[in-house]
């Protein structure tokens, strides 16, 4: 469980909109922020891996090699 404190001014503004589920809004904001951080960390990991990769390596070429490998051989 998590408690959040808001100042009186913000609390008064929130009271003007009783139809809004403020707890749900806060949960969604936290989830969104976590997703952003996970994406940022994934991008950093990808950057670190790219730095270690052979500069001559091409992802597109690798995909083509895999596709051609899986194609049935023509036996005329």
PDB file of N, CA and C in Angstrom:
ATOM      1  N   UNK A   1       0.839  -1.176   0.000  1.00  0.00           N
ATOM      2  CA  UNK A   1       0.000   0.000   0.000  1.00  0.00           C
ATOM      3  C   UNK A   1       0.881   1.235   0.000  1.00  0.00           C
ATOM      4  N   UNK A   2       0.394   2.264  -0.641  1.00  0.00           N
ATOM      5  CA  UNK A   2       1.132   3.515  -0.767  1.00  0.00           C
ATOM      6  C   UNK A   2       0.201   4.666  -0.432  1.00  0.00           C
ATOM      7  N   UNK A   3       0.679   5.593   0.347  1.00  0.00           N
ATOM      8  CA  UNK A   3      -0.113   6.789   0.655  1.00  0.00           C
ATOM      9  C   UNK A   3       0.508   7.978  -0.049  1.00  0.00           C
ATOM     10  N   UNK A   4      -0.340   8.841  -0.531  1.00  0.00           N
ATOM     11  CA  UNK A   4       0.132  10.037  -1.230  1.00  0.00           C
ATOM     12  C   UNK A   4      -0.468  11.259  -0.539  1.00  0.00           C
ATOM     13  N   UNK A   5       0.362  12.217  -0.263  1.00  0.00           N
ATOM     14  CA  UNK A   5      -0.118  13.459   0.347  1.00  0.00           C
ATOM     15  C   UNK A   5      -0.185  14.540  -0.727  1.00  0.00           C
ATOM     16  N   UNK A   6      -1.263  15.284  -0.695  1.00  0.00           N
ATOM     17  CA  UNK A   6      -1.406  16.439  -1.582  1.00  0.00           C
ATOM     18  C   UNK A   6      -1.741  17.644  -0.722  1.00  0.00           C
ATOM     19  N   UNK A   7      -1.327  18.813  -1.178  1.00  0.00           N
ATOM     20  CA  UNK A   7      -1.607  20.004  -0.385  1.00  0.00           C
ATOM     21  C   UNK A   7      -3.092  20.369  -0.467  1.00  0.00           C
ATOM     22  N   UNK A   8      -3.507  21.249   0.396  1.00  0.00           N
ATOM     23  CA  UNK A   8      -4.923  21.631   0.493  1.00  0.00           C
ATOM     24  C   UNK A   8      -5.467  22.175  -0.828  1.00  0.00           C
ATOM     25  N   UNK A   9      -4.678  22.989  -1.506  1.00  0.00           N
ATOM     26  CA  UNK A   9      -5.135  23.588  -2.764  1.00  0.00           C
ATOM     27  C   UNK A   9      -5.455  22.512  -3.801  1.00  0.00           C
ATOM     28  N   UNK A  10      -4.558  21.555  -3.936  1.00  0.00           N
ATOM     29  CA  UNK A  10      -4.786  20.478  -4.883  1.00  0.00           C
ATOM     30  C   UNK A  10      -5.963  19.606  -4.440  1.00  0.00           C
ATOM     31  N   UNK A  11      -6.072  19.371  -3.163  1.00  0.00           N
ATOM     32  CA  UNK A  11      -7.173  18.570  -2.643  1.00  0.00           C
ATOM     33  C   UNK A  11      -8.520  19.239  -2.930  1.00  0.00           C
ATOM     34  N   UNK A  12      -8.576  20.543  -2.803  1.00  0.00           N
ATOM     35  CA  UNK A  12      -9.812  21.264  -3.125  1.00  0.00           C
ATOM     36  C   UNK A  12     -10.160  21.130  -4.600  1.00  0.00           C
ATOM     37  N   UNK A  13      -9.180  21.227  -5.438  1.00  0.00           N
ATOM     38  CA  UNK A  13      -9.412  21.058  -6.880  1.00  0.00           C
ATOM     39  C   UNK A  13      -9.904  19.649  -7.192  1.00  0.00           C
ATOM     40  N   UNK A  14      -9.323  18.668  -6.523  1.00  0.00           N
ATOM     41  CA  UNK A  14      -9.740  17.282  -6.739  1.00  0.00           C
ATOM     42  C   UNK A  14     -11.187  17.073  -6.308  1.00  0.00           C
ATOM     43  N   UNK A  15     -11.589  17.717  -5.245  1.00  0.00           N
ATOM     44  CA  UNK A  15     -12.964  17.575  -4.751  1.00  0.00           C
ATOM     45  C   UNK A  15     -13.992  18.099  -5.750  1.00  0.00           C
ATOM     46  N   UNK A  16     -13.574  18.985  -6.613  1.00  0.00           N
ATOM     47  CA  UNK A  16     -14.491  19.527  -7.623  1.00  0.00           C
ATOM     48  C   UNK A  16     -14.872  18.465  -8.657  1.00  0.00           C
ATOM     49  N   UNK A  17     -14.131  17.360  -8.681  1.00  0.00           N
ATOM     50  CA  UNK A  17     -14.366  16.301  -9.661  1.00  0.00           C
ATOM     51  C   UNK A  17     -14.546  14.961  -8.941  1.00  0.00           C
ATOM     52  N   UNK A  18     -15.661  14.803  -8.235  1.00  0.00           N
ATOM     53  CA  UNK A  18     -15.862  13.571  -7.454  1.00  0.00           C
ATOM     54  C   UNK A  18     -16.057  12.326  -8.333  1.00  0.00           C
ATOM     55  N   UNK A  19     -16.371  12.543  -9.584  1.00  0.00           N
ATOM     56  CA  UNK A  19     -16.575  11.401 -10.481  1.00  0.00           C
ATOM     57  C   UNK A  19     -15.257  10.762 -10.923  1.00  0.00           C
ATOM     58  N   UNK A  20     -14.144  11.400 -10.672  1.00  0.00           N
ATOM     59  CA  UNK A  20     -12.837  10.867 -11.053  1.00  0.00           C
ATOM     60  C   UNK A  20     -12.306   9.989  -9.925  1.00  0.00           C
ATOM     61  N   UNK A  21     -11.878   8.803 -10.293  1.00  0.00           N
ATOM     62  CA  UNK A  21     -11.266   7.875  -9.339  1.00  0.00           C
ATOM     63  C   UNK A  21      -9.783   8.245  -9.236  1.00  0.00           C
ATOM     64  N   UNK A  22      -9.462   9.072  -8.248  1.00  0.00           N
ATOM     65  CA  UNK A  22      -8.108   9.603  -8.141  1.00  0.00           C
ATOM     66  C   UNK A  22      -7.088   8.513  -7.842  1.00  0.00           C
ATOM     67  N   UNK A  23      -7.487   7.506  -7.085  1.00  0.00           N
ATOM     68  CA  UNK A  23      -6.564   6.402  -6.819  1.00  0.00           C
ATOM     69  C   UNK A  23      -6.184   5.703  -8.116  1.00  0.00           C
ATOM     70  N   UNK A  24      -7.164   5.483  -8.972  1.00  0.00           N
ATOM     71  CA  UNK A  24      -6.900   4.839 -10.266  1.00  0.00           C
ATOM     72  C   UNK A  24      -6.000   5.721 -11.133  1.00  0.00           C
ATOM     73  N   UNK A  25      -6.237   7.020 -11.100  1.00  0.00           N
ATOM     74  CA  UNK A  25      -5.407   7.945 -11.868  1.00  0.00           C
ATOM     75  C   UNK A  25      -3.952   7.872 -11.421  1.00  0.00           C
ATOM     76  N   UNK A  26      -3.747   7.797 -10.118  1.00  0.00           N
ATOM     77  CA  UNK A  26      -2.382   7.717  -9.584  1.00  0.00           C
ATOM     78  C   UNK A  26      -1.745   6.388  -9.965  1.00  0.00           C
ATOM     79  N   UNK A  27      -2.496   5.278  -9.854  1.00  0.00           N
ATOM     80  CA  UNK A  27      -1.968   3.963 -10.253  1.00  0.00           C
ATOM     81  C   UNK A  27      -1.545   3.976 -11.716  1.00  0.00           C
ATOM     82  N   UNK A  28      -2.396   4.537 -12.572  1.00  0.00           N
ATOM     83  CA  UNK A  28      -2.083   4.575 -14.007  1.00  0.00           C
ATOM     84  C   UNK A  28      -0.848   5.426 -14.284  1.00  0.00           C
ATOM     85  N   UNK A  29      -0.710   6.537 -13.556  1.00  0.00           N
ATOM     86  CA  UNK A  29       0.470   7.388 -13.744  1.00  0.00           C
ATOM     87  C   UNK A  29       1.740   6.652 -13.326  1.00  0.00           C
ATOM     88  N   UNK A  30       1.654   5.899 -12.230  1.00  0.00           N
ATOM     89  CA  UNK A  30       2.811   5.133 -11.765  1.00  0.00           C
ATOM     90  C   UNK A  30       3.149   4.038 -12.771  1.00  0.00           C
ATOM     91  N   UNK A  31       2.149   3.326 -13.261  1.00  0.00           N
ATOM     92  CA  UNK A  31       2.392   2.272 -14.255  1.00  0.00           C
ATOM     93  C   UNK A  31       3.030   2.843 -15.513  1.00  0.00           C
ATOM     94  N   UNK A  32       2.534   3.994 -15.961  1.00  0.00           N
ATOM     95  CA  UNK A  32       3.086   4.628 -17.164  1.00  0.00           C
ATOM     96  C   UNK A  32       4.550   4.988 -16.945  1.00  0.00           C
ATOM     97  N   UNK A  33       4.855   5.526 -15.779  1.00  0.00           N
ATOM     98  CA  UNK A  33       6.237   5.915 -15.486  1.00  0.00           C
ATOM     99  C   UNK A  33       7.150   4.692 -15.443  1.00  0.00           C
ATOM    100  N   UNK A  34       6.667   3.607 -14.853  1.00  0.00           N
ATOM    101  CA  UNK A  34       7.448   2.375 -14.794  1.00  0.00           C
ATOM    102  C   UNK A  34       7.723   1.867 -16.209  1.00  0.00           C
ATOM    103  N   UNK A  35       6.711   1.882 -17.077  1.00  0.00           N
ATOM    104  CA  UNK A  35       6.907   1.452 -18.466  1.00  0.00           C
ATOM    105  C   UNK A  35       7.952   2.316 -19.153  1.00  0.00           C
ATOM    106  N   UNK A  36       7.911   3.619 -18.912  1.00  0.00           N
ATOM    107  CA  UNK A  36       8.898   4.516 -19.511  1.00  0.00           C
ATOM    108  C   UNK A  36      10.307   4.166 -19.043  1.00  0.00           C
ATOM    109  N   UNK A  37      10.453   3.897 -17.750  1.00  0.00           N
ATOM    110  CA  UNK A  37      11.766   3.552 -17.212  1.00  0.00           C
ATOM    111  C   UNK A  37      12.248   2.210 -17.757  1.00  0.00           C
ATOM    112  N   UNK A  38      11.342   1.236 -17.889  1.00  0.00           N
ATOM    113  CA  UNK A  38      11.721  -0.055 -18.447  1.00  0.00           C
ATOM    114  C   UNK A  38      12.177   0.098 -19.895  1.00  0.00           C
ATOM    115  N   UNK A  39      11.490   0.928 -20.656  1.00  0.00           N
ATOM    116  CA  UNK A  39      11.882   1.166 -22.041  1.00  0.00           C
ATOM    117  C   UNK A  39      13.239   1.871 -22.109  1.00  0.00           C
ATOM    118  N   UNK A  40      13.461   2.824 -21.201  1.00  0.00           N
ATOM    119  CA  UNK A  40      14.737   3.540 -21.168  1.00  0.00           C
ATOM    120  C   UNK A  40      15.872   2.567 -20.856  1.00  0.00           C
ATOM    121  N   UNK A  41      15.658   1.689 -19.889  1.00  0.00           N
ATOM    122  CA  UNK A  41      16.682   0.703 -19.537  1.00  0.00           C
ATOM    123  C   UNK A  41      16.927  -0.282 -20.685  1.00  0.00           C
ATOM    124  N   UNK A  42      15.856  -0.683 -21.359  1.00  0.00           N
ATOM    125  CA  UNK A  42      16.012  -1.596 -22.500  1.00  0.00           C
ATOM    126  C   UNK A  42      16.817  -0.915 -23.605  1.00  0.00           C
ATOM    127  N   UNK A  43      16.547   0.353 -23.844  1.00  0.00           N
ATOM    128  CA  UNK A  43      17.285   1.090 -24.873  1.00  0.00           C
ATOM    129  C   UNK A  43      18.756   1.199 -24.495  1.00  0.00           C
ATOM    130  N   UNK A  44      19.050   1.426 -23.216  1.00  0.00           N
ATOM    131  CA  UNK A  44      20.443   1.490 -22.779  1.00  0.00           C
ATOM    132  C   UNK A  44      21.138   0.153 -22.977  1.00  0.00           C
ATOM    133  N   UNK A  45      20.434  -0.929 -22.673  1.00  0.00           N
ATOM    134  CA  UNK A  45      21.000  -2.265 -22.871  1.00  0.00           C
ATOM    135  C   UNK A  45      21.292  -2.495 -24.350  1.00  0.00           C
ATOM    136  N   UNK A  46      20.352  -2.118 -25.203  1.00  0.00           N
ATOM    137  CA  UNK A  46      20.551  -2.278 -26.645  1.00  0.00           C
ATOM    138  C   UNK A  46      21.742  -1.448 -27.119  1.00  0.00           C
ATOM    139  N   UNK A  47      21.885  -0.250 -26.607  1.00  0.00           N
ATOM    140  CA  UNK A  47      23.019   0.595 -26.987  1.00  0.00           C
ATOM    141  C   UNK A  47      24.342  -0.050 -26.574  1.00  0.00           C
ATOM    142  N   UNK A  48      24.378  -0.611 -25.347  1.00  0.00           N
ATOM    143  CA  UNK A  48      25.610  -1.271 -24.880  1.00  0.00           C
ATOM    144  C   UNK A  48      25.935  -2.473 -25.761  1.00  0.00           C
ATOM    145  N   UNK A  49      24.919  -3.250 -26.116  1.00  0.00           N
ATOM    146  CA  UNK A  49      25.156  -4.403 -26.986  1.00  0.00           C
ATOM    147  C   UNK A  49      25.616  -3.964 -28.377  1.00  0.00           C
ATOM    148  N   UNK A  50      25.029  -2.890 -28.879  1.00  0.00           N
ATOM    149  CA  UNK A  50      25.405  -2.397 -30.211  1.00  0.00           C
ATOM    150  C   UNK A  50      26.856  -1.929 -30.227  1.00  0.00           C
ATOM    151  N   UNK A  51      27.308  -1.354 -29.107  1.00  0.00           N
ATOM    152  CA  UNK A  51      28.705  -0.907 -29.035  1.00  0.00           C
ATOM    153  C   UNK A  51      29.667  -2.087 -29.132  1.00  0.00           C
ATOM    154  N   UNK A  52      29.246  -3.239 -28.621  1.00  0.00           N
ATOM    155  CA  UNK A  52      30.105  -4.424 -28.626  1.00  0.00           C
ATOM    156  C   UNK A  52      30.034  -5.190 -29.948  1.00  0.00           C
ATOM    157  N   UNK A  53      29.012  -4.939 -30.733  1.00  0.00           N
ATOM    158  CA  UNK A  53      28.792  -5.704 -31.969  1.00  0.00           C
ATOM    159  C   UNK A  53      29.796  -5.315 -33.052  1.00  0.00           C
ATOM    160  N   UNK A  54      30.038  -6.253 -33.929  1.00  0.00           N
ATOM    161  CA  UNK A  54      30.901  -6.012 -35.087  1.00  0.00           C
ATOM    162  C   UNK A  54      30.230  -4.970 -35.981  1.00  0.00           C
ATOM    163  N   UNK A  55      30.921  -3.874 -36.310  1.00  0.00           N
ATOM    164  CA  UNK A  55      30.306  -2.827 -37.137  1.00  0.00           C
ATOM    165  C   UNK A  55      29.899  -3.330 -38.526  1.00  0.00           C
ATOM    166  N   UNK A  56      30.491  -4.417 -38.982  1.00  0.00           N
ATOM    167  CA  UNK A  56      30.157  -4.938 -40.304  1.00  0.00           C
ATOM    168  C   UNK A  56      28.873  -5.777 -40.268  1.00  0.00           C
ATOM    169  N   UNK A  57      28.395  -6.124 -39.078  1.00  0.00           N
ATOM    170  CA  UNK A  57      27.197  -6.965 -38.944  1.00  0.00           C
ATOM    171  C   UNK A  57      25.967  -6.169 -39.349  1.00  0.00           C
ATOM    172  N   UNK A  58      25.101  -6.804 -40.120  1.00  0.00           N
ATOM    173  CA  UNK A  58      23.867  -6.165 -40.566  1.00  0.00           C
ATOM    174  C   UNK A  58      22.680  -7.039 -40.165  1.00  0.00           C
ATOM    175  N   UNK A  59      21.769  -6.470 -39.415  1.00  0.00           N
ATOM    176  CA  UNK A  59      20.572  -7.195 -39.012  1.00  0.00           C
ATOM    177  C   UNK A  59      19.747  -7.630 -40.205  1.00  0.00           C
ATOM    178  N   UNK A  60      19.642  -6.767 -41.204  1.00  0.00           N
ATOM    179  CA  UNK A  60      18.862  -7.094 -42.400  1.00  0.00           C
ATOM    180  C   UNK A  60      19.495  -8.280 -43.132  1.00  0.00           C
ATOM    181  N   UNK A  61      20.828  -8.274 -43.239  1.00  0.00           N
ATOM    182  CA  UNK A  61      21.509  -9.401 -43.893  1.00  0.00           C
ATOM    183  C   UNK A  61      21.292 -10.685 -43.109  1.00  0.00           C
ATOM    184  N   UNK A  62      21.313 -10.599 -41.803  1.00  0.00           N
ATOM    185  CA  UNK A  62      21.117 -11.783 -40.957  1.00  0.00           C
ATOM    186  C   UNK A  62      19.719 -12.357 -41.156  1.00  0.00           C
ATOM    187  N   UNK A  63      18.720 -11.507 -41.223  1.00  0.00           N
ATOM    188  CA  UNK A  63      17.343 -11.971 -41.457  1.00  0.00           C
ATOM    189  C   UNK A  63      17.249 -12.669 -42.804  1.00  0.00           C
ATOM    190  N   UNK A  64      17.862 -12.098 -43.822  1.00  0.00           N
ATOM    191  CA  UNK A  64      17.838 -12.732 -45.145  1.00  0.00           C
ATOM    192  C   UNK A  64      18.508 -14.101 -45.111  1.00  0.00           C
ATOM    193  N   UNK A  65      19.633 -14.213 -44.408  1.00  0.00           N
ATOM    194  CA  UNK A  65      20.313 -15.508 -44.298  1.00  0.00           C
ATOM    195  C   UNK A  65      19.391 -16.539 -43.645  1.00  0.00           C
ATOM    196  N   UNK A  66      18.700 -16.147 -42.599  1.00  0.00           N
ATOM    197  CA  UNK A  66      17.785 -17.070 -41.913  1.00  0.00           C
ATOM    198  C   UNK A  66      16.626 -17.450 -42.825  1.00  0.00           C
ATOM    199  N   UNK A  67      16.107 -16.500 -43.557  1.00  0.00           N
ATOM    200  CA  UNK A  67      14.983 -16.801 -44.452  1.00  0.00           C
ATOM    201  C   UNK A  67      15.406 -17.770 -45.549  1.00  0.00           C
ATOM    202  N   UNK A  68      16.564 -17.528 -46.123  1.00  0.00           N
ATOM    203  CA  UNK A  68      17.050 -18.402 -47.196  1.00  0.00           C
ATOM    204  C   UNK A  68      17.398 -19.781 -46.663  1.00  0.00           C
ATOM    205  N   UNK A  69      17.856 -19.839 -45.455  1.00  0.00           N
ATOM    206  CA  UNK A  69      18.200 -21.131 -44.839  1.00  0.00           C
ATOM    207  C   UNK A  69      16.949 -21.997 -44.690  1.00  0.00           C
ATOM    208  N   UNK A  70      15.809 -21.363 -44.382  1.00  0.00           N
ATOM    209  CA  UNK A  70      14.576 -22.096 -44.133  1.00  0.00           C
ATOM    210  C   UNK A  70      13.775 -22.395 -45.414  1.00  0.00           C
ATOM    211  N   UNK A  71      14.210 -21.824 -46.536  1.00  0.00           N
ATOM    212  CA  UNK A  71      13.486 -22.080 -47.783  1.00  0.00           C
ATOM    213  C   UNK A  71      13.775 -23.491 -48.274  1.00  0.00           C
ATOM    214  N   UNK A  72      12.769 -24.179 -48.807  1.00  0.00           N
ATOM    215  CA  UNK A  72      13.032 -25.508 -49.377  1.00  0.00           C
ATOM    216  C   UNK A  72      13.938 -25.385 -50.593  1.00  0.00           C
ATOM    217  N   UNK A  73      14.826 -26.330 -50.723  1.00  0.00           N
ATOM    218  CA  UNK A  73      15.763 -26.325 -51.865  1.00  0.00           C
ATOM    219  C   UNK A  73      15.038 -26.806 -53.115  1.00  0.00           C
ATOM    220  N   UNK A  74      15.280 -26.124 -54.215  1.00  0.00           N
ATOM    221  CA  UNK A  74      14.738 -26.554 -55.510  1.00  0.00           C
ATOM    222  C   UNK A  74      15.516 -27.760 -55.995  1.00  0.00           C
ATOM    223  N   UNK A  75      14.829 -28.838 -56.249  1.00  0.00           N
ATOM    224  CA  UNK A  75      15.503 -30.043 -56.751  1.00  0.00           C
ATOM    225  C   UNK A  75      14.891 -30.400 -58.079  1.00  0.00           C
ATOM    226  N   UNK A  76      15.427 -29.818 -59.104  1.00  0.00           N
ATOM    227  CA  UNK A  76      14.911 -30.043 -60.463  1.00  0.00           C
ATOM    228  C   UNK A  76      15.387 -31.331 -61.047  1.00  0.00           C
TER     229      UNK A  76
END
